[in-house]
N, C-alpha and C. Protein backbone atom coordinates (compact mmCIF):
# COMPACT_ATOMS: atom_id res chain seq x y z
N MET A 1 -51.20 -76.29 -178.98
CA MET A 1 -51.30 -75.89 -180.37
C MET A 1 -50.48 -74.63 -180.59
N THR A 2 -49.74 -74.62 -181.69
CA THR A 2 -49.04 -73.42 -182.11
C THR A 2 -49.54 -73.07 -183.51
N ASP A 3 -48.99 -72.05 -184.10
CA ASP A 3 -49.38 -71.72 -185.47
C ASP A 3 -48.91 -72.79 -186.45
N GLU A 4 -47.88 -73.54 -186.07
CA GLU A 4 -47.30 -74.54 -186.96
C GLU A 4 -47.69 -75.97 -186.60
N TYR A 5 -47.96 -76.25 -185.31
CA TYR A 5 -48.21 -77.62 -184.86
C TYR A 5 -49.46 -77.74 -184.01
N ILE A 6 -50.08 -78.93 -184.07
CA ILE A 6 -51.09 -79.36 -183.11
C ILE A 6 -50.59 -80.69 -182.56
N VAL A 7 -50.70 -80.87 -181.24
CA VAL A 7 -50.28 -82.12 -180.61
C VAL A 7 -51.51 -82.73 -179.96
N THR A 8 -51.74 -84.04 -180.20
CA THR A 8 -52.90 -84.73 -179.65
C THR A 8 -52.45 -85.97 -178.88
N GLY A 9 -53.19 -86.30 -177.83
CA GLY A 9 -52.98 -87.53 -177.08
C GLY A 9 -54.21 -88.41 -177.24
N SER A 10 -54.05 -89.71 -177.01
CA SER A 10 -55.14 -90.62 -177.33
C SER A 10 -55.21 -91.81 -176.38
N TYR A 11 -56.38 -92.46 -176.40
CA TYR A 11 -56.58 -93.71 -175.67
C TYR A 11 -55.76 -94.84 -176.26
N ASP A 12 -55.27 -94.68 -177.51
CA ASP A 12 -54.49 -95.75 -178.15
C ASP A 12 -53.02 -95.73 -177.74
N CYS A 13 -52.69 -94.98 -176.68
CA CYS A 13 -51.34 -94.90 -176.10
C CYS A 13 -50.36 -94.09 -176.94
N THR A 14 -50.85 -93.29 -177.85
CA THR A 14 -49.96 -92.50 -178.69
C THR A 14 -50.16 -91.01 -178.46
N ALA A 15 -49.12 -90.26 -178.79
CA ALA A 15 -49.21 -88.81 -178.94
C ALA A 15 -48.87 -88.55 -180.40
N LYS A 16 -49.58 -87.63 -181.02
CA LYS A 16 -49.36 -87.34 -182.44
C LYS A 16 -49.08 -85.86 -182.62
N ILE A 17 -48.16 -85.58 -183.52
CA ILE A 17 -47.80 -84.21 -183.86
C ILE A 17 -48.25 -83.97 -185.29
N TRP A 18 -49.04 -82.93 -185.45
CA TRP A 18 -49.60 -82.58 -186.75
C TRP A 18 -49.00 -81.25 -187.20
N THR A 19 -48.76 -81.11 -188.49
CA THR A 19 -48.22 -79.85 -189.02
C THR A 19 -49.18 -79.26 -190.04
N LYS A 20 -49.20 -77.95 -190.09
CA LYS A 20 -50.14 -77.25 -190.95
C LYS A 20 -49.69 -77.33 -192.41
N ASN A 21 -50.61 -77.74 -193.26
CA ASN A 21 -50.34 -77.89 -194.69
C ASN A 21 -50.95 -76.73 -195.46
N ALA A 22 -52.11 -76.30 -195.05
CA ALA A 22 -52.82 -75.21 -195.71
C ALA A 22 -53.61 -74.48 -194.63
N LEU A 23 -54.43 -73.56 -195.03
CA LEU A 23 -55.17 -72.74 -194.07
C LEU A 23 -55.96 -73.59 -193.09
N THR A 24 -56.61 -74.66 -193.56
CA THR A 24 -57.42 -75.50 -192.69
C THR A 24 -57.04 -76.97 -192.75
N GLN A 25 -55.89 -77.30 -193.32
CA GLN A 25 -55.47 -78.70 -193.45
C GLN A 25 -54.26 -78.99 -192.58
N TRP A 26 -54.31 -80.13 -191.88
CA TRP A 26 -53.21 -80.56 -191.03
C TRP A 26 -52.79 -81.96 -191.45
N ASN A 27 -51.49 -82.22 -191.51
CA ASN A 27 -50.95 -83.53 -191.87
C ASN A 27 -50.20 -84.12 -190.68
N LEU A 28 -50.31 -85.45 -190.52
CA LEU A 28 -49.60 -86.14 -189.45
C LEU A 28 -48.09 -86.10 -189.72
N LEU A 29 -47.34 -85.61 -188.74
CA LEU A 29 -45.89 -85.48 -188.87
C LEU A 29 -45.16 -86.57 -188.09
N HIS A 30 -45.54 -86.81 -186.83
CA HIS A 30 -44.88 -87.81 -185.97
C HIS A 30 -45.92 -88.52 -185.11
N VAL A 31 -45.64 -89.79 -184.81
CA VAL A 31 -46.42 -90.57 -183.83
C VAL A 31 -45.45 -91.04 -182.76
N ILE A 32 -45.75 -90.74 -181.51
CA ILE A 32 -44.94 -91.17 -180.38
C ILE A 32 -45.61 -92.40 -179.77
N ASN A 33 -44.92 -93.54 -179.80
CA ASN A 33 -45.46 -94.82 -179.34
C ASN A 33 -44.75 -95.32 -178.08
N LEU A 34 -44.39 -94.47 -177.16
CA LEU A 34 -43.62 -94.90 -176.00
C LEU A 34 -44.46 -95.17 -174.75
N HIS A 35 -45.69 -94.67 -174.73
CA HIS A 35 -46.54 -94.86 -173.55
C HIS A 35 -47.23 -96.22 -173.60
N ASN A 36 -47.54 -96.77 -172.41
CA ASN A 36 -48.24 -98.04 -172.29
C ASN A 36 -49.70 -97.89 -171.89
N ASP A 37 -50.17 -96.66 -171.78
CA ASP A 37 -51.56 -96.37 -171.46
C ASP A 37 -51.92 -95.04 -172.11
N SER A 38 -53.15 -94.62 -171.96
CA SER A 38 -53.64 -93.40 -172.61
C SER A 38 -52.74 -92.20 -172.33
N VAL A 39 -52.59 -91.34 -173.33
CA VAL A 39 -51.82 -90.10 -173.20
C VAL A 39 -52.83 -88.97 -173.01
N TRP A 40 -52.81 -88.37 -171.83
CA TRP A 40 -53.79 -87.34 -171.49
C TRP A 40 -53.20 -85.95 -171.36
N ASP A 41 -51.93 -85.86 -171.05
CA ASP A 41 -51.34 -84.55 -170.79
C ASP A 41 -50.27 -84.24 -171.83
N LEU A 42 -50.38 -83.05 -172.41
CA LEU A 42 -49.45 -82.62 -173.45
C LEU A 42 -49.16 -81.13 -173.27
N LYS A 43 -47.92 -80.75 -173.49
CA LYS A 43 -47.57 -79.33 -173.47
C LYS A 43 -46.47 -79.10 -174.50
N LEU A 44 -46.74 -78.22 -175.42
CA LEU A 44 -45.75 -77.82 -176.42
C LEU A 44 -45.42 -76.36 -176.19
N LYS A 45 -44.17 -76.10 -175.84
CA LYS A 45 -43.72 -74.72 -175.61
C LYS A 45 -42.40 -74.53 -176.34
N GLY A 46 -42.41 -73.66 -177.31
CA GLY A 46 -41.21 -73.47 -178.12
C GLY A 46 -40.87 -74.75 -178.85
N GLU A 47 -39.67 -75.25 -178.62
CA GLU A 47 -39.20 -76.49 -179.27
C GLU A 47 -39.30 -77.70 -178.36
N THR A 48 -39.94 -77.56 -177.19
CA THR A 48 -40.03 -78.66 -176.22
C THR A 48 -41.46 -79.17 -176.11
N LEU A 49 -41.60 -80.49 -176.22
CA LEU A 49 -42.89 -81.16 -176.05
C LEU A 49 -42.78 -82.08 -174.84
N VAL A 50 -43.76 -82.00 -173.94
CA VAL A 50 -43.83 -82.89 -172.79
C VAL A 50 -45.14 -83.67 -172.89
N THR A 51 -45.04 -85.01 -172.71
CA THR A 51 -46.23 -85.86 -172.72
C THR A 51 -46.35 -86.57 -171.37
N GLY A 52 -47.58 -86.81 -170.95
CA GLY A 52 -47.84 -87.55 -169.72
C GLY A 52 -48.96 -88.55 -169.96
N GLY A 53 -48.77 -89.77 -169.50
CA GLY A 53 -49.77 -90.81 -169.72
C GLY A 53 -50.27 -91.40 -168.43
N LEU A 54 -51.37 -92.14 -168.54
CA LEU A 54 -51.92 -92.83 -167.38
C LEU A 54 -51.02 -93.96 -166.90
N ASP A 55 -50.00 -94.29 -167.68
CA ASP A 55 -49.02 -95.30 -167.27
C ASP A 55 -48.01 -94.74 -166.27
N GLY A 56 -48.12 -93.43 -165.96
CA GLY A 56 -47.20 -92.80 -165.03
C GLY A 56 -45.91 -92.35 -165.69
N ALA A 57 -45.85 -92.43 -167.02
CA ALA A 57 -44.64 -92.05 -167.74
C ALA A 57 -44.73 -90.61 -168.23
N ILE A 58 -43.57 -89.98 -168.27
CA ILE A 58 -43.43 -88.63 -168.78
C ILE A 58 -42.37 -88.64 -169.87
N GLY A 59 -42.70 -88.05 -170.99
CA GLY A 59 -41.74 -87.94 -172.09
C GLY A 59 -41.40 -86.48 -172.34
N ILE A 60 -40.14 -86.21 -172.60
CA ILE A 60 -39.69 -84.86 -172.95
C ILE A 60 -38.97 -84.97 -174.28
N PHE A 61 -39.44 -84.21 -175.25
CA PHE A 61 -38.96 -84.30 -176.62
C PHE A 61 -38.57 -82.93 -177.14
N SER A 62 -37.66 -82.92 -178.11
CA SER A 62 -37.31 -81.70 -178.83
C SER A 62 -37.91 -81.79 -180.22
N LEU A 63 -38.51 -80.72 -180.66
CA LEU A 63 -39.10 -80.63 -182.00
C LEU A 63 -38.47 -79.43 -182.69
N VAL A 64 -37.44 -79.71 -183.50
CA VAL A 64 -36.69 -78.65 -184.17
C VAL A 64 -36.73 -78.90 -185.67
N ASN A 65 -37.19 -77.91 -186.42
CA ASN A 65 -37.29 -78.03 -187.89
C ASN A 65 -38.02 -79.30 -188.29
N GLN A 66 -39.09 -79.62 -187.59
CA GLN A 66 -39.96 -80.78 -187.81
C GLN A 66 -39.30 -82.12 -187.49
N ALA A 67 -38.09 -82.12 -186.93
CA ALA A 67 -37.42 -83.36 -186.50
C ALA A 67 -37.68 -83.56 -185.01
N LEU A 68 -38.07 -84.78 -184.65
CA LEU A 68 -38.39 -85.10 -183.26
C LEU A 68 -37.27 -85.91 -182.63
N THR A 69 -36.81 -85.47 -181.46
CA THR A 69 -35.77 -86.17 -180.72
C THR A 69 -36.26 -86.41 -179.30
N THR A 70 -36.12 -87.65 -178.81
CA THR A 70 -36.47 -87.96 -177.43
C THR A 70 -35.33 -87.51 -176.52
N ARG A 71 -35.62 -86.60 -175.59
CA ARG A 71 -34.61 -86.16 -174.63
C ARG A 71 -34.63 -87.01 -173.37
N PHE A 72 -35.84 -87.26 -172.82
CA PHE A 72 -36.00 -88.09 -171.64
C PHE A 72 -37.33 -88.82 -171.75
N PHE A 73 -37.37 -90.04 -171.24
CA PHE A 73 -38.64 -90.77 -171.10
C PHE A 73 -38.50 -91.62 -169.86
N PHE A 74 -39.33 -91.37 -168.87
CA PHE A 74 -39.19 -92.09 -167.61
C PHE A 74 -40.55 -92.30 -166.96
N LYS A 75 -40.62 -93.30 -166.12
CA LYS A 75 -41.85 -93.61 -165.38
C LYS A 75 -41.74 -93.05 -163.98
N VAL A 76 -42.75 -92.32 -163.58
CA VAL A 76 -42.80 -91.75 -162.23
C VAL A 76 -43.34 -92.83 -161.29
N GLN A 77 -42.64 -93.05 -160.21
CA GLN A 77 -43.08 -94.04 -159.23
C GLN A 77 -43.64 -93.32 -158.02
N SER A 78 -44.78 -93.78 -157.59
CA SER A 78 -45.43 -93.17 -156.44
C SER A 78 -44.79 -93.69 -155.16
N HIS A 79 -44.61 -92.80 -154.22
CA HIS A 79 -44.08 -93.18 -152.90
C HIS A 79 -45.20 -93.16 -151.86
N LEU A 80 -46.42 -93.06 -152.34
CA LEU A 80 -47.56 -93.04 -151.43
C LEU A 80 -47.98 -94.48 -151.16
N SER A 81 -48.23 -94.78 -149.92
CA SER A 81 -48.70 -96.12 -149.57
C SER A 81 -50.16 -96.05 -149.18
N LYS A 82 -50.89 -97.09 -149.51
CA LYS A 82 -52.31 -97.15 -149.14
C LYS A 82 -52.43 -97.64 -147.71
N SER A 83 -53.25 -96.98 -146.95
CA SER A 83 -53.44 -97.38 -145.55
C SER A 83 -54.74 -98.13 -145.40
């Protein structure tokens, strides 16, 4: 959360970016629909948003002047084997 944005992740496989409209009102600005499972991890720092989902995917986005741009979206593959 920043003074201007709140970012939420959900079981519906989306991340949502909300923008402040008034002192206590927030409006939906963007919906990110790239994950295939719940989005649990989010970090917004400056103009960079990072999302992480249970699908093993990580998204890196730019949020500049309320415009959202996807910089990278990739699935992390585990190299751990079960014994």
